[in-house]
PDB file of N, CA and C in Angstrom:
ATOM      1  N   MET A   1     134.894 129.060 223.761  1.00  0.00           N
ATOM      2  CA  MET A   1     134.031 128.710 224.864  1.00  0.00           C
ATOM      3  C   MET A   1     132.942 127.771 224.357  1.00  0.00           C
ATOM      4  N   ASP A   2     132.628 126.734 225.111  1.00  0.00           N
ATOM      5  CA  ASP A   2     131.591 125.784 224.755  1.00  0.00           C
ATOM      6  C   ASP A   2     130.236 126.345 225.168  1.00  0.00           C
ATOM      7  N   HIS A   3     129.321 126.467 224.208  1.00  0.00           N
ATOM      8  CA  HIS A   3     127.993 127.007 224.471  1.00  0.00           C
ATOM      9  C   HIS A   3     126.927 125.928 224.375  1.00  0.00           C
ATOM     10  N   SER A   4     127.291 124.658 224.542  1.00  0.00           N
ATOM     11  CA  SER A   4     126.346 123.582 224.280  1.00  0.00           C
ATOM     12  C   SER A   4     125.626 123.049 225.515  1.00  0.00           C
ATOM     13  N   GLY A   5     126.106 123.290 226.723  1.00  0.00           N
ATOM     14  CA  GLY A   5     125.481 122.728 227.916  1.00  0.00           C
ATOM     15  C   GLY A   5     124.392 123.611 228.476  1.00  0.00           C
ATOM     16  N   GLY A   6     123.919 123.260 229.664  1.00  0.00           N
ATOM     17  CA  GLY A   6     122.962 124.096 230.369  1.00  0.00           C
ATOM     18  C   GLY A   6     121.538 123.589 230.334  1.00  0.00           C
ATOM     19  N   HIS A   7     120.695 124.261 231.092  1.00  0.00           N
ATOM     20  CA  HIS A   7     119.270 123.963 231.185  1.00  0.00           C
ATOM     21  C   HIS A   7     118.531 124.683 230.055  1.00  0.00           C
ATOM     22  N   ARG A   8     117.581 124.006 229.404  1.00  0.00           N
ATOM     23  CA  ARG A   8     116.861 124.594 228.267  1.00  0.00           C
ATOM     24  C   ARG A   8     115.406 124.903 228.602  1.00  0.00           C
ATOM     25  N   ILE A   9     114.943 126.035 228.079  1.00  0.00           N
ATOM     26  CA  ILE A   9     113.543 126.423 228.148  1.00  0.00           C
ATOM     27  C   ILE A   9     113.087 126.649 226.708  1.00  0.00           C
ATOM     28  N   ARG A  10     112.156 125.826 226.234  1.00  0.00           N
ATOM     29  CA  ARG A  10     111.692 125.943 224.849  1.00  0.00           C
ATOM     30  C   ARG A  10     110.853 127.200 224.649  1.00  0.00           C
ATOM     31  N   LEU A  11     111.068 127.832 223.516  1.00  0.00           N
ATOM     32  CA  LEU A  11     110.316 129.037 223.135  1.00  0.00           C
ATOM     33  C   LEU A  11     109.563 128.753 221.832  1.00  0.00           C
ATOM     34  N   HIS A  12     108.803 127.672 221.804  1.00  0.00           N
ATOM     35  CA  HIS A  12     108.154 127.310 220.548  1.00  0.00           C
ATOM     36  C   HIS A  12     106.909 128.142 220.255  1.00  0.00           C
ATOM     37  N   SER A  13     106.275 128.740 221.269  1.00  0.00           N
ATOM     38  CA  SER A  13     105.111 129.587 220.989  1.00  0.00           C
ATOM     39  C   SER A  13     105.049 130.684 222.031  1.00  0.00           C
ATOM     40  N   VAL A  14     104.377 131.700 221.856  1.00  0.00           N
ATOM     41  CA  VAL A  14     103.706 132.227 220.685  1.00  0.00           C
ATOM     42  C   VAL A  14     104.596 133.312 220.090  1.00  0.00           C
ATOM     43  N   TRP A  15     104.889 133.164 218.813  1.00  0.00           N
ATOM     44  CA  TRP A  15     105.677 134.119 218.050  1.00  0.00           C
ATOM     45  C   TRP A  15     104.737 134.925 217.153  1.00  0.00           C
ATOM     46  N   THR A  16     105.141 136.135 216.828  1.00  0.00           N
ATOM     47  CA  THR A  16     104.428 136.935 215.837  1.00  0.00           C
ATOM     48  C   THR A  16     105.314 137.035 214.616  1.00  0.00           C
ATOM     49  N   ARG A  17     104.760 136.665 213.458  1.00  0.00           N
ATOM     50  CA  ARG A  17     105.484 136.748 212.191  1.00  0.00           C
ATOM     51  C   ARG A  17     104.881 137.876 211.360  1.00  0.00           C
ATOM     52  N   THR A  18     105.725 138.803 210.916  1.00  0.00           N
ATOM     53  CA  THR A  18     105.296 139.881 210.035  1.00  0.00           C
ATOM     54  C   THR A  18     105.982 139.699 208.691  1.00  0.00           C
ATOM     55  N   GLU A  19     105.180 139.615 207.638  1.00  0.00           N
ATOM     56  CA  GLU A  19     105.709 139.491 206.281  1.00  0.00           C
ATOM     57  C   GLU A  19     105.707 140.867 205.634  1.00  0.00           C
ATOM     58  N   SER A  20     106.812 141.212 204.973  1.00  0.00           N
ATOM     59  CA  SER A  20     106.918 142.516 204.319  1.00  0.00           C
ATOM     60  C   SER A  20     107.319 142.338 202.861  1.00  0.00           C
ATOM     61  N   ALA A  21     106.857 143.263 202.017  1.00  0.00           N
ATOM     62  CA  ALA A  21     107.205 143.282 200.600  1.00  0.00           C
ATOM     63  C   ALA A  21     108.469 144.110 200.393  1.00  0.00           C
ATOM     64  N   ALA A  22     108.992 144.086 199.182  1.00  0.00           N
ATOM     65  CA  ALA A  22     110.229 144.822 198.857  1.00  0.00           C
ATOM     66  C   ALA A  22     110.094 146.318 199.113  1.00  0.00           C
ATOM     67  N   ASP A  23     108.896 146.864 198.965  1.00  0.00           N
ATOM     68  CA  ASP A  23     108.706 148.302 199.191  1.00  0.00           C
ATOM     69  C   ASP A  23     108.497 148.639 200.672  1.00  0.00           C
ATOM     70  N   GLY A  24     108.604 147.624 201.558  1.00  0.00           N
ATOM     71  CA  GLY A  24     108.457 147.831 202.996  1.00  0.00           C
ATOM     72  C   GLY A  24     107.030 147.699 203.497  1.00  0.00           C
ATOM     73  N   SER A  25     106.075 147.548 202.591  1.00  0.00           N
ATOM     74  CA  SER A  25     104.683 147.418 203.028  1.00  0.00           C
ATOM     75  C   SER A  25     104.465 146.088 203.732  1.00  0.00           C
ATOM     76  N   GLU A  26     103.585 146.121 204.722  1.00  0.00           N
ATOM     77  CA  GLU A  26     103.273 144.941 205.517  1.00  0.00           C
ATOM     78  C   GLU A  26     102.235 144.106 204.774  1.00  0.00           C
ATOM     79  N   LEU A  27     102.546 142.830 204.548  1.00  0.00           N
ATOM     80  CA  LEU A  27     101.646 141.946 203.816  1.00  0.00           C
ATOM     81  C   LEU A  27     100.742 141.142 204.747  1.00  0.00           C
ATOM     82  N   ALA A  28     101.290 140.682 205.861  1.00  0.00           N
ATOM     83  CA  ALA A  28     100.511 139.845 206.784  1.00  0.00           C
ATOM     84  C   ALA A  28     101.197 139.794 208.135  1.00  0.00           C
ATOM     85  N   VAL A  29     100.376 139.667 209.186  1.00  0.00           N
ATOM     86  CA  VAL A  29     100.874 139.452 210.548  1.00  0.00           C
ATOM     87  C   VAL A  29     100.174 138.209 211.065  1.00  0.00           C
ATOM     88  N   THR A  30     100.964 137.245 211.536  1.00  0.00           N
ATOM     89  CA  THR A  30     100.430 135.959 211.970  1.00  0.00           C
ATOM     90  C   THR A  30     101.023 135.578 213.311  1.00  0.00           C
ATOM     91  N   ARG A  31     100.198 135.046 214.205  1.00  0.00           N
ATOM     92  CA  ARG A  31     100.692 134.478 215.460  1.00  0.00           C
ATOM     93  C   ARG A  31     100.855 132.981 215.220  1.00  0.00           C
ATOM     94  N   LEU A  32     101.993 132.420 215.629  1.00  0.00           N
ATOM     95  CA  LEU A  32     102.280 131.027 215.318  1.00  0.00           C
ATOM     96  C   LEU A  32     103.255 130.422 216.305  1.00  0.00           C
ATOM     97  N   SER A  33     103.482 129.135 216.143  1.00  0.00           N
ATOM     98  CA  SER A  33     104.490 128.384 216.896  1.00  0.00           C
ATOM     99  C   SER A  33     105.604 127.989 215.940  1.00  0.00           C
ATOM    100  N   LEU A  34     106.778 127.755 216.483  1.00  0.00           N
ATOM    101  CA  LEU A  34     107.896 127.255 215.677  1.00  0.00           C
ATOM    102  C   LEU A  34     107.961 125.736 215.807  1.00  0.00           C
ATOM    103  N   PRO A  35     108.346 125.027 214.762  1.00  0.00           N
ATOM    104  CA  PRO A  35     108.719 125.542 213.455  1.00  0.00           C
ATOM    105  C   PRO A  35     107.524 126.120 212.710  1.00  0.00           C
ATOM    106  N   ASP A  36     107.817 127.070 211.821  1.00  0.00           N
ATOM    107  CA  ASP A  36     106.797 127.803 211.072  1.00  0.00           C
ATOM    108  C   ASP A  36     106.567 127.106 209.736  1.00  0.00           C
ATOM    109  N   ASN A  37     105.481 126.361 209.653  1.00  0.00           N
ATOM    110  CA  ASN A  37     105.153 125.641 208.423  1.00  0.00           C
ATOM    111  C   ASN A  37     104.049 126.317 207.622  1.00  0.00           C
ATOM    112  N   LEU A  38     103.669 127.531 208.021  1.00  0.00           N
ATOM    113  CA  LEU A  38     102.614 128.234 207.304  1.00  0.00           C
ATOM    114  C   LEU A  38     103.172 128.861 206.023  1.00  0.00           C
ATOM    115  N   PRO A  39     102.382 128.881 204.963  1.00  0.00           N
ATOM    116  CA  PRO A  39     102.878 129.464 203.712  1.00  0.00           C
ATOM    117  C   PRO A  39     103.074 130.971 203.838  1.00  0.00           C
ATOM    118  N   LEU A  40     104.006 131.480 203.054  1.00  0.00           N
ATOM    119  CA  LEU A  40     104.269 132.915 202.980  1.00  0.00           C
ATOM    120  C   LEU A  40     103.593 133.492 201.747  1.00  0.00           C
ATOM    121  N   ASP A  41     103.218 134.756 201.838  1.00  0.00           N
ATOM    122  CA  ASP A  41     102.710 135.468 200.679  1.00  0.00           C
ATOM    123  C   ASP A  41     103.813 135.462 199.618  1.00  0.00           C
ATOM    124  N   PRO A  42     103.499 135.175 198.359  1.00  0.00           N
ATOM    125  CA  PRO A  42     104.539 135.128 197.318  1.00  0.00           C
ATOM    126  C   PRO A  42     105.325 136.431 197.162  1.00  0.00           C
ATOM    127  N   ALA A  43     104.750 137.561 197.578  1.00  0.00           N
ATOM    128  CA  ALA A  43     105.434 138.853 197.458  1.00  0.00           C
ATOM    129  C   ALA A  43     106.365 139.135 198.628  1.00  0.00           C
ATOM    130  N   THR A  44     106.461 138.228 199.601  1.00  0.00           N
ATOM    131  CA  THR A  44     107.284 138.448 200.797  1.00  0.00           C
ATOM    132  C   THR A  44     108.772 138.459 200.453  1.00  0.00           C
ATOM    133  N   THR A  45     109.460 139.526 200.885  1.00  0.00           N
ATOM    134  CA  THR A  45     110.924 139.602 200.734  1.00  0.00           C
ATOM    135  C   THR A  45     111.620 139.672 202.079  1.00  0.00           C
ATOM    136  N   MET A  46     110.855 139.941 203.160  1.00  0.00           N
ATOM    137  CA  MET A  46     111.415 139.977 204.511  1.00  0.00           C
ATOM    138  C   MET A  46     110.385 139.432 205.488  1.00  0.00           C
ATOM    139  N   VAL A  47     110.882 138.654 206.450  1.00  0.00           N
ATOM    140  CA  VAL A  47     110.035 138.110 207.507  1.00  0.00           C
ATOM    141  C   VAL A  47     110.637 138.525 208.843  1.00  0.00           C
ATOM    142  N   THR A  48     109.798 139.048 209.731  1.00  0.00           N
ATOM    143  CA  THR A  48     110.245 139.438 211.069  1.00  0.00           C
ATOM    144  C   THR A  48     109.510 138.580 212.090  1.00  0.00           C
ATOM    145  N   TYR A  49     110.274 137.951 212.977  1.00  0.00           N
ATOM    146  CA  TYR A  49     109.711 137.160 214.072  1.00  0.00           C
ATOM    147  C   TYR A  49     109.943 137.911 215.372  1.00  0.00           C
ATOM    148  N   ARG A  50     108.911 137.974 216.219  1.00  0.00           N
ATOM    149  CA  ARG A  50     109.029 138.621 217.530  1.00  0.00           C
ATOM    150  C   ARG A  50     108.441 137.703 218.581  1.00  0.00           C
ATOM    151  N   ARG A  51     109.104 137.722 219.747  1.00  0.00           N
ATOM    152  CA  ARG A  51     108.568 136.971 220.872  1.00  0.00           C
ATOM    153  C   ARG A  51     108.972 137.647 222.159  1.00  0.00           C
ATOM    154  N   ALA A  52     107.996 137.813 223.035  1.00  0.00           N
ATOM    155  CA  ALA A  52     108.264 138.328 224.382  1.00  0.00           C
ATOM    156  C   ALA A  52     108.473 137.139 225.309  1.00  0.00           C
ATOM    157  N   PHE A  53     109.308 137.334 226.309  1.00  0.00           N
ATOM    158  CA  PHE A  53     109.538 136.290 227.310  1.00  0.00           C
ATOM    159  C   PHE A  53     110.052 136.941 228.582  1.00  0.00           C
ATOM    160  N   ASN A  54     109.828 136.278 229.691  1.00  0.00           N
ATOM    161  CA  ASN A  54     110.341 136.748 230.981  1.00  0.00           C
ATOM    162  C   ASN A  54     111.659 136.061 231.274  1.00  0.00           C
ATOM    163  N   ALA A  55     112.503 136.739 232.020  1.00  0.00           N
ATOM    164  CA  ALA A  55     113.736 136.104 232.478  1.00  0.00           C
ATOM    165  C   ALA A  55     113.360 134.941 233.391  1.00  0.00           C
ATOM    166  N   PRO A  56     114.133 133.869 233.348  1.00  0.00           N
ATOM    167  CA  PRO A  56     113.825 132.739 234.227  1.00  0.00           C
ATOM    168  C   PRO A  56     113.813 133.185 235.695  1.00  0.00           C
ATOM    169  N   PRO A  57     112.827 132.712 236.474  1.00  0.00           N
ATOM    170  CA  PRO A  57     112.779 133.088 237.889  1.00  0.00           C
ATOM    171  C   PRO A  57     113.982 132.527 238.646  1.00  0.00           C
ATOM    172  N   ASN A  58     114.384 133.225 239.671  1.00  0.00           N
ATOM    173  CA  ASN A  58     115.501 132.793 240.525  1.00  0.00           C
ATOM    174  C   ASN A  58     116.786 132.566 239.733  1.00  0.00           C
ATOM    175  N   LEU A  59     116.988 133.351 238.697  1.00  0.00           N
ATOM    176  CA  LEU A  59     118.181 133.219 237.874  1.00  0.00           C
ATOM    177  C   LEU A  59     119.413 133.646 238.668  1.00  0.00           C
ATOM    178  N   ASP A  60     120.402 132.770 238.711  1.00  0.00           N
ATOM    179  CA  ASP A  60     121.669 133.085 239.373  1.00  0.00           C
ATOM    180  C   ASP A  60     122.280 134.291 238.660  1.00  0.00           C
ATOM    181  N   PRO A  61     122.699 135.328 239.397  1.00  0.00           N
ATOM    182  CA  PRO A  61     123.245 136.533 238.750  1.00  0.00           C
ATOM    183  C   PRO A  61     124.512 136.276 237.931  1.00  0.00           C
ATOM    184  N   THR A  62     125.173 135.145 238.149  1.00  0.00           N
ATOM    185  CA  THR A  62     126.378 134.834 237.380  1.00  0.00           C
ATOM    186  C   THR A  62     126.086 133.944 236.181  1.00  0.00           C
ATOM    187  N   ALA A  63     124.836 133.544 236.002  1.00  0.00           N
ATOM    188  CA  ALA A  63     124.469 132.647 234.902  1.00  0.00           C
ATOM    189  C   ALA A  63     124.567 133.364 233.554  1.00  0.00           C
ATOM    190  N   GLN A  64     124.899 132.605 232.533  1.00  0.00           N
ATOM    191  CA  GLN A  64     124.883 133.072 231.154  1.00  0.00           C
ATOM    192  C   GLN A  64     123.596 132.561 230.523  1.00  0.00           C
ATOM    193  N   VAL A  65     122.906 133.424 229.766  1.00  0.00           N
ATOM    194  CA  VAL A  65     121.657 133.033 229.118  1.00  0.00           C
ATOM    195  C   VAL A  65     121.832 133.208 227.610  1.00  0.00           C
ATOM    196  N   TYR A  66     121.573 132.126 226.880  1.00  0.00           N
ATOM    197  CA  TYR A  66     121.737 132.111 225.428  1.00  0.00           C
ATOM    198  C   TYR A  66     120.408 131.829 224.749  1.00  0.00           C
ATOM    199  N   PHE A  67     120.225 132.384 223.565  1.00  0.00           N
ATOM    200  CA  PHE A  67     119.108 132.078 222.695  1.00  0.00           C
ATOM    201  C   PHE A  67     119.654 131.139 221.629  1.00  0.00           C
ATOM    202  N   ASP A  68     119.071 129.951 221.526  1.00  0.00           N
ATOM    203  CA  ASP A  68     119.494 128.965 220.527  1.00  0.00           C
ATOM    204  C   ASP A  68     118.384 128.801 219.501  1.00  0.00           C
ATOM    205  N   SER A  69     118.698 129.042 218.230  1.00  0.00           N
ATOM    206  CA  SER A  69     117.691 128.881 217.186  1.00  0.00           C
ATOM    207  C   SER A  69     118.337 128.881 215.813  1.00  0.00           C
ATOM    208  N   GLU A  70     117.742 128.122 214.907  1.00  0.00           N
ATOM    209  CA  GLU A  70     118.167 128.166 213.513  1.00  0.00           C
ATOM    210  C   GLU A  70     117.873 129.527 212.896  1.00  0.00           C
ATOM    211  N   LEU A  71     116.996 130.305 213.523  1.00  0.00           N
ATOM    212  CA  LEU A  71     116.713 131.658 213.036  1.00  0.00           C
ATOM    213  C   LEU A  71     117.906 132.595 213.234  1.00  0.00           C
ATOM    214  N   ALA A  72     118.793 132.262 214.155  1.00  0.00           N
ATOM    215  CA  ALA A  72     119.938 133.121 214.488  1.00  0.00           C
ATOM    216  C   ALA A  72     121.100 132.860 213.520  1.00  0.00           C
ATOM    217  N   VAL A  73     120.880 133.208 212.270  1.00  0.00           N
ATOM    218  CA  VAL A  73     121.912 133.055 211.247  1.00  0.00           C
ATOM    219  C   VAL A  73     122.645 134.380 211.070  1.00  0.00           C
ATOM    220  N   GLU A  74     123.820 134.314 210.477  1.00  0.00           N
ATOM    221  CA  GLU A  74     124.631 135.520 210.303  1.00  0.00           C
ATOM    222  C   GLU A  74     123.910 136.594 209.497  1.00  0.00           C
ATOM    223  N   GLU A  75     123.076 136.177 208.539  1.00  0.00           N
ATOM    224  CA  GLU A  75     122.367 137.125 207.686  1.00  0.00           C
ATOM    225  C   GLU A  75     121.212 137.814 208.403  1.00  0.00           C
ATOM    226  N   ALA A  76     120.800 137.298 209.538  1.00  0.00           N
ATOM    227  CA  ALA A  76     119.654 137.845 210.264  1.00  0.00           C
ATOM    228  C   ALA A  76     120.023 139.141 210.973  1.00  0.00           C
ATOM    229  N   VAL A  77     119.021 140.008 211.121  1.00  0.00           N
ATOM    230  CA  VAL A  77     119.151 141.193 211.970  1.00  0.00           C
ATOM    231  C   VAL A  77     118.431 140.829 213.263  1.00  0.00           C
ATOM    232  N   ILE A  78     119.176 140.776 214.361  1.00  0.00           N
ATOM    233  CA  ILE A  78     118.647 140.317 215.640  1.00  0.00           C
ATOM    234  C   ILE A  78     118.704 141.462 216.647  1.00  0.00           C
ATOM    235  N   GLN A  79     117.564 141.702 217.307  1.00  0.00           N
ATOM    236  CA  GLN A  79     117.515 142.700 218.363  1.00  0.00           C
ATOM    237  C   GLN A  79     116.960 142.053 219.620  1.00  0.00           C
ATOM    238  N   VAL A  80     117.593 142.384 220.734  1.00  0.00           N
ATOM    239  CA  VAL A  80     117.139 141.930 222.041  1.00  0.00           C
ATOM    240  C   VAL A  80     116.830 143.185 222.845  1.00  0.00           C
ATOM    241  N   ASN A  81     115.572 143.356 223.205  1.00  0.00           N
ATOM    242  CA  ASN A  81     115.129 144.553 223.926  1.00  0.00           C
ATOM    243  C   ASN A  81     115.562 145.829 223.211  1.00  0.00           C
ATOM    244  N   GLY A  82     115.467 145.805 221.865  1.00  0.00           N
ATOM    245  CA  GLY A  82     115.784 146.974 221.059  1.00  0.00           C
ATOM    246  C   GLY A  82     117.252 147.188 220.755  1.00  0.00           C
ATOM    247  N   VAL A  83     118.126 146.299 221.252  1.00  0.00           N
ATOM    248  CA  VAL A  83     119.572 146.422 221.016  1.00  0.00           C
ATOM    249  C   VAL A  83     119.989 145.386 219.982  1.00  0.00           C
ATOM    250  N   ARG A  84     120.599 145.863 218.894  1.00  0.00           N
ATOM    251  CA  ARG A  84     121.048 144.948 217.843  1.00  0.00           C
ATOM    252  C   ARG A  84     122.228 144.124 218.342  1.00  0.00           C
ATOM    253  N   THR A  85     122.179 142.837 218.044  1.00  0.00           N
ATOM    254  CA  THR A  85     123.250 141.936 218.458  1.00  0.00           C
ATOM    255  C   THR A  85     123.530 140.944 217.348  1.00  0.00           C
ATOM    256  N   LYS A  86     124.669 140.288 217.410  1.00  0.00           N
ATOM    257  CA  LYS A  86     125.063 139.290 216.410  1.00  0.00           C
ATOM    258  C   LYS A  86     125.198 137.938 217.098  1.00  0.00           C
ATOM    259  N   PRO A  87     124.958 136.861 216.346  1.00  0.00           N
ATOM    260  CA  PRO A  87     125.176 135.534 216.927  1.00  0.00           C
ATOM    261  C   PRO A  87     126.641 135.323 217.307  1.00  0.00           C
ATOM    262  N   LEU A  88     126.861 134.597 218.414  1.00  0.00           N
ATOM    263  CA  LEU A  88     128.223 134.200 218.802  1.00  0.00           C
ATOM    264  C   LEU A  88     128.751 133.180 217.820  1.00  0.00           C
ATOM    265  N   SER A  89     127.864 132.337 217.371  1.00  0.00           N
ATOM    266  CA  SER A  89     128.156 131.279 216.413  1.00  0.00           C
ATOM    267  C   SER A  89     126.825 130.948 215.746  1.00  0.00           C
ATOM    268  N   PRO A  90     126.842 130.142 214.695  1.00  0.00           N
ATOM    269  CA  PRO A  90     125.559 129.793 214.095  1.00  0.00           C
ATOM    270  C   PRO A  90     124.600 129.241 215.149  1.00  0.00           C
ATOM    271  N   ARG A  91     123.400 129.801 215.230  1.00  0.00           N
ATOM    272  CA  ARG A  91     122.334 129.385 216.125  1.00  0.00           C
ATOM    273  C   ARG A  91     122.405 129.952 217.532  1.00  0.00           C
ATOM    274  N   VAL A  92     123.455 130.637 217.944  1.00  0.00           N
ATOM    275  CA  VAL A  92     123.611 131.033 219.353  1.00  0.00           C
ATOM    276  C   VAL A  92     123.774 132.549 219.500  1.00  0.00           C
ATOM    277  N   VAL A  93     122.896 133.150 220.330  1.00  0.00           N
ATOM    278  CA  VAL A  93     122.982 134.575 220.657  1.00  0.00           C
ATOM    279  C   VAL A  93     123.097 134.690 222.177  1.00  0.00           C
ATOM    280  N   ASP A  94     124.086 135.443 222.647  1.00  0.00           N
ATOM    281  CA  ASP A  94     124.253 135.664 224.083  1.00  0.00           C
ATOM    282  C   ASP A  94     123.286 136.765 224.517  1.00  0.00           C
ATOM    283  N   LEU A  95     122.288 136.408 225.321  1.00  0.00           N
ATOM    284  CA  LEU A  95     121.311 137.372 225.813  1.00  0.00           C
ATOM    285  C   LEU A  95     121.746 138.030 227.115  1.00  0.00           C
ATOM    286  N   THR A  96     122.760 137.489 227.766  1.00  0.00           N
ATOM    287  CA  THR A  96     123.142 137.899 229.115  1.00  0.00           C
ATOM    288  C   THR A  96     123.273 139.412 229.281  1.00  0.00           C
ATOM    289  N   PRO A  97     124.005 140.127 228.410  1.00  0.00           N
ATOM    290  CA  PRO A  97     124.167 141.571 228.651  1.00  0.00           C
ATOM    291  C   PRO A  97     122.889 142.380 228.435  1.00  0.00           C
ATOM    292  N   HIS A  98     121.886 141.797 227.782  1.00  0.00           N
ATOM    293  CA  HIS A  98     120.659 142.523 227.447  1.00  0.00           C
ATOM    294  C   HIS A  98     119.453 142.067 228.263  1.00  0.00           C
ATOM    295  N   LEU A  99     119.619 141.030 229.061  1.00  0.00           N
ATOM    296  CA  LEU A  99     118.493 140.409 229.759  1.00  0.00           C
ATOM    297  C   LEU A  99     117.898 141.321 230.820  1.00  0.00           C
ATOM    298  N   GLN A 100     116.569 141.410 230.798  1.00  0.00           N
ATOM    299  CA  GLN A 100     115.808 142.178 231.785  1.00  0.00           C
ATOM    300  C   GLN A 100     114.725 141.253 232.351  1.00  0.00           C
ATOM    301  N   ALA A 101     113.934 141.759 233.265  1.00  0.00           N
ATOM    302  CA  ALA A 101     112.838 140.947 233.808  1.00  0.00           C
ATOM    303  C   ALA A 101     111.860 140.554 232.700  1.00  0.00           C
ATOM    304  N   HIS A 102     111.524 141.509 231.807  1.00  0.00           N
ATOM    305  CA  HIS A 102     110.639 141.262 230.669  1.00  0.00           C
ATOM    306  C   HIS A 102     111.428 141.594 229.411  1.00  0.00           C
ATOM    307  N   ASN A 103     111.378 140.694 228.406  1.00  0.00           N
ATOM    308  CA  ASN A 103     112.252 140.809 227.239  1.00  0.00           C
ATOM    309  C   ASN A 103     111.487 140.607 225.946  1.00  0.00           C
ATOM    310  N   GLU A 104     112.087 141.102 224.858  1.00  0.00           N
ATOM    311  CA  GLU A 104     111.567 140.816 223.530  1.00  0.00           C
ATOM    312  C   GLU A 104     112.744 140.564 222.601  1.00  0.00           C
ATOM    313  N   ILE A 105     112.624 139.506 221.811  1.00  0.00           N
ATOM    314  CA  ILE A 105     113.620 139.233 220.781  1.00  0.00           C
ATOM    315  C   ILE A 105     112.939 139.415 219.439  1.00  0.00           C
ATOM    316  N   GLU A 106     113.659 140.050 218.527  1.00  0.00           N
ATOM    317  CA  GLU A 106     113.158 140.280 217.173  1.00  0.00           C
ATOM    318  C   GLU A 106     114.219 139.792 216.201  1.00  0.00           C
ATOM    319  N   ILE A 107     113.779 139.021 215.215  1.00  0.00           N
ATOM    320  CA  ILE A 107     114.695 138.463 214.219  1.00  0.00           C
ATOM    321  C   ILE A 107     114.129 138.766 212.843  1.00  0.00           C
ATOM    322  N   ARG A 108     114.905 139.483 212.016  1.00  0.00           N
ATOM    323  CA  ARG A 108     114.493 139.800 210.650  1.00  0.00           C
ATOM    324  C   ARG A 108     115.319 138.984 209.673  1.00  0.00           C
ATOM    325  N   LEU A 109     114.622 138.305 208.789  1.00  0.00           N
ATOM    326  CA  LEU A 109     115.253 137.479 207.762  1.00  0.00           C
ATOM    327  C   LEU A 109     114.840 137.987 206.394  1.00  0.00           C
ATOM    328  N   ALA A 110     115.776 137.994 205.449  1.00  0.00           N
ATOM    329  CA  ALA A 110     115.466 138.434 204.093  1.00  0.00           C
ATOM    330  C   ALA A 110     116.092 137.478 203.088  1.00  0.00           C
ATOM    331  N   GLY A 111     115.596 137.521 201.872  1.00  0.00           N
ATOM    332  CA  GLY A 111     116.162 136.719 200.787  1.00  0.00           C
ATOM    333  C   GLY A 111     116.131 135.235 201.069  1.00  0.00           C
ATOM    334  N   SER A 112     117.223 134.559 200.733  1.00  0.00           N
ATOM    335  CA  SER A 112     117.272 133.098 200.867  1.00  0.00           C
ATOM    336  C   SER A 112     117.226 132.639 202.319  1.00  0.00           C
ATOM    337  N   ALA A 113     117.539 133.508 203.275  1.00  0.00           N
ATOM    338  CA  ALA A 113     117.493 133.126 204.700  1.00  0.00           C
ATOM    339  C   ALA A 113     116.070 132.800 205.145  1.00  0.00           C
ATOM    340  N   ILE A 114     115.064 133.284 204.427  1.00  0.00           N
ATOM    341  CA  ILE A 114     113.675 133.018 204.785  1.00  0.00           C
ATOM    342  C   ILE A 114     113.372 131.522 204.747  1.00  0.00           C
ATOM    343  N   THR A 115     114.075 130.778 203.924  1.00  0.00           N
ATOM    344  CA  THR A 115     113.773 129.351 203.755  1.00  0.00           C
ATOM    345  C   THR A 115     114.023 128.516 205.008  1.00  0.00           C
ATOM    346  N   ILE A 116     114.769 129.016 205.981  1.00  0.00           N
ATOM    347  CA  ILE A 116     115.086 128.219 207.176  1.00  0.00           C
ATOM    348  C   ILE A 116     113.926 128.117 208.155  1.00  0.00           C
ATOM    349  N   VAL A 117     112.884 128.921 207.984  1.00  0.00           N
ATOM    350  CA  VAL A 117     111.818 128.972 208.980  1.00  0.00           C
ATOM    351  C   VAL A 117     111.028 127.679 209.083  1.00  0.00           C
ATOM    352  N   ASN A 118     111.018 126.870 208.046  1.00  0.00           N
ATOM    353  CA  ASN A 118     110.243 125.626 208.068  1.00  0.00           C
ATOM    354  C   ASN A 118     110.735 124.622 209.099  1.00  0.00           C
ATOM    355  N   THR A 119     111.986 124.713 209.494  1.00  0.00           N
ATOM    356  CA  THR A 119     112.547 123.755 210.444  1.00  0.00           C
ATOM    357  C   THR A 119     113.044 124.414 211.730  1.00  0.00           C
ATOM    358  N   ALA A 120     112.894 125.720 211.849  1.00  0.00           N
ATOM    359  CA  ALA A 120     113.478 126.451 212.976  1.00  0.00           C
ATOM    360  C   ALA A 120     112.770 126.162 214.294  1.00  0.00           C
ATOM    361  N   THR A 121     113.555 125.979 215.320  1.00  0.00           N
ATOM    362  CA  THR A 121     113.082 125.862 216.690  1.00  0.00           C
ATOM    363  C   THR A 121     113.757 126.980 217.480  1.00  0.00           C
ATOM    364  N   ALA A 122     113.374 127.153 218.747  1.00  0.00           N
ATOM    365  CA  ALA A 122     113.996 128.193 219.563  1.00  0.00           C
ATOM    366  C   ALA A 122     113.942 127.807 221.026  1.00  0.00           C
ATOM    367  N   SER A 123     114.981 128.169 221.767  1.00  0.00           N
ATOM    368  CA  SER A 123     115.006 127.908 223.207  1.00  0.00           C
ATOM    369  C   SER A 123     115.971 128.870 223.885  1.00  0.00           C
ATOM    370  N   LEU A 124     115.765 129.032 225.198  1.00  0.00           N
ATOM    371  CA  LEU A 124     116.733 129.713 226.045  1.00  0.00           C
ATOM    372  C   LEU A 124     117.586 128.631 226.677  1.00  0.00           C
ATOM    373  N   ARG A 125     118.871 128.902 226.814  1.00  0.00           N
ATOM    374  CA  ARG A 125     119.766 127.970 227.509  1.00  0.00           C
ATOM    375  C   ARG A 125     120.441 128.729 228.616  1.00  0.00           C
ATOM    376  N   ILE A 126     120.316 128.209 229.835  1.00  0.00           N
ATOM    377  CA  ILE A 126     120.903 128.851 231.018  1.00  0.00           C
ATOM    378  C   ILE A 126     122.107 128.020 231.444  1.00  0.00           C
ATOM    379  N   CYS A 127     123.268 128.659 231.504  1.00  0.00           N
ATOM    380  CA  CYS A 127     124.499 128.008 231.925  1.00  0.00           C
ATOM    381  C   CYS A 127     124.978 128.660 233.218  1.00  0.00           C
ATOM    382  N   ASP A 128     125.009 127.892 234.291  1.00  0.00           N
ATOM    383  CA  ASP A 128     125.466 128.415 235.603  1.00  0.00           C
ATOM    384  C   ASP A 128     126.969 128.404 235.702  1.00  0.00           C
TER     385      ASP A 128
END
């Protein structure tokens, strides 16, 4: 299935970034926009990004809604409204089965996957 078309809504701000150390302790919490060009604490081994968003108004009930982002890599742990999900393909997560009026997406990155945050963007794509 082609997931490249549709109407886009940018989700560049406001994200919350939580940096964690290897022992699970929280090092820093920062509110930011994507791409994330802010430096990380050198002790950071995991980064969690969270963003709340509302479902698009007047959304056709048959529409498919996708999250497109470089953050949506196979190594990432992605949750939509508390439900763990996997990307359909690199950069694409199907939000349709989890979409509610008010939503939260959480993306946890660890190890070498953390390096992608410098160029990452994010958007919703609605396909009717």
